[in-house]
Amino acid sequence: MNASPRTDPDVPTPSGDGAWAWTAPEGPPASPIELWKPPNIGVASVILGFPGAVILVALNWHRMGRTGKAILHLIAVVIGPSD
């Protein structure tokens, strides 16, 4: 069945003010986030080992708003491998 764009529920329709649903909000751009770069994390993993590198990666995840993922991996570092 071919639905026209006006009747297809998956196709966004303009809102009352004429703006499309996927347009960027007005206002100043977001400020950049200071993150650890992958080469720096790689060097840290050689010097500090796996736990040191995971701590840096967890800092990046926290700064990007993925705090749950950061906490989960930090818990895994504290528990450590089950040898």
Protein backbone atom coordinates (compact mmCIF):
# COMPACT_ATOMS: atom_id res chain seq x y z
CA MET A 1 0.00 0.00 0.00
CA ASN A 2 1.40 3.36 -1.00
CA ALA A 3 0.44 6.02 1.47
CA SER A 4 0.85 9.64 0.55
CA PRO A 5 3.17 11.68 2.79
CA ARG A 6 0.12 13.39 4.32
CA THR A 7 -1.41 10.11 5.52
CA ASP A 8 1.74 8.15 6.44
CA PRO A 9 2.15 8.27 10.26
CA ASP A 10 5.93 7.81 9.97
CA VAL A 11 6.41 10.98 7.94
CA PRO A 12 6.70 14.10 10.09
CA THR A 13 4.21 16.85 9.40
CA PRO A 14 4.78 20.54 9.95
CA SER A 15 3.59 21.92 13.27
CA GLY A 16 1.23 24.85 13.47
CA ASP A 17 4.01 27.48 13.24
CA GLY A 18 5.43 26.00 10.03
CA ALA A 19 8.57 24.50 11.65
CA TRP A 20 9.51 20.92 10.83
CA ALA A 21 9.97 18.44 13.65
CA TRP A 22 13.66 17.82 12.93
CA THR A 23 14.86 21.44 12.85
CA ALA A 24 17.47 22.52 15.38
CA PRO A 25 16.30 24.68 18.28
CA GLU A 26 17.02 28.37 18.15
CA GLY A 27 19.65 29.76 20.49
CA PRO A 28 23.39 29.64 21.04
CA PRO A 29 25.27 26.47 20.08
CA ALA A 30 26.19 24.01 22.80
CA SER A 31 29.59 24.46 24.39
CA PRO A 32 32.26 21.89 23.52
CA ILE A 33 33.07 19.14 26.02
CA GLU A 34 36.63 18.39 27.10
CA LEU A 35 37.18 14.66 26.46
CA TRP A 36 40.14 12.32 26.69
CA LYS A 37 41.26 11.47 23.16
CA PRO A 38 41.58 7.79 22.14
CA PRO A 39 45.40 7.93 21.68
CA ASN A 40 45.78 9.36 25.19
CA ILE A 41 43.59 6.61 26.60
CA GLY A 42 45.72 4.05 24.74
CA VAL A 43 48.91 5.44 26.27
CA ALA A 44 47.26 5.43 29.70
CA SER A 45 46.32 1.77 29.25
CA VAL A 46 49.94 0.89 28.55
CA ILE A 47 51.22 2.87 31.54
CA LEU A 48 48.39 2.34 34.04
CA GLY A 49 46.88 -0.87 32.75
CA PHE A 50 43.25 -1.62 31.99
CA PRO A 51 41.75 -0.03 35.13
CA GLY A 52 43.45 3.32 34.48
CA ALA A 53 42.17 3.44 30.91
CA VAL A 54 38.62 2.52 31.96
CA ILE A 55 38.61 5.37 34.48
CA LEU A 56 39.46 7.84 31.71
CA VAL A 57 36.82 6.36 29.43
CA ALA A 58 34.28 6.53 32.26
CA LEU A 59 35.11 10.22 32.68
CA ASN A 60 34.36 10.71 28.98
CA TRP A 61 31.04 8.86 29.26
CA HIS A 62 30.07 10.93 32.30
CA ARG A 63 30.89 14.18 30.50
CA MET A 64 28.79 13.05 27.52
CA GLY A 65 25.82 12.36 29.75
CA ARG A 66 26.11 8.57 29.82
CA THR A 67 26.64 8.35 33.56
CA GLY A 68 24.91 4.98 33.89
CA LYS A 69 27.36 3.37 31.47
CA ALA A 70 30.29 5.02 33.27
CA ILE A 71 29.17 3.74 36.68
CA LEU A 72 28.60 0.23 35.36
CA HIS A 73 32.12 0.01 33.92
CA LEU A 74 33.69 1.51 37.06
CA ILE A 75 31.95 -1.15 39.13
CA ALA A 76 33.36 -3.78 36.77
CA VAL A 77 36.87 -2.38 37.33
CA VAL A 78 36.44 -2.48 41.12
CA ILE A 79 35.13 -6.06 41.07
CA GLY A 80 37.85 -7.08 38.62
CA PRO A 81 38.22 -10.34 36.75
CA SER A 82 37.22 -13.51 38.53
CA ASP A 83 40.37 -15.58 38.31
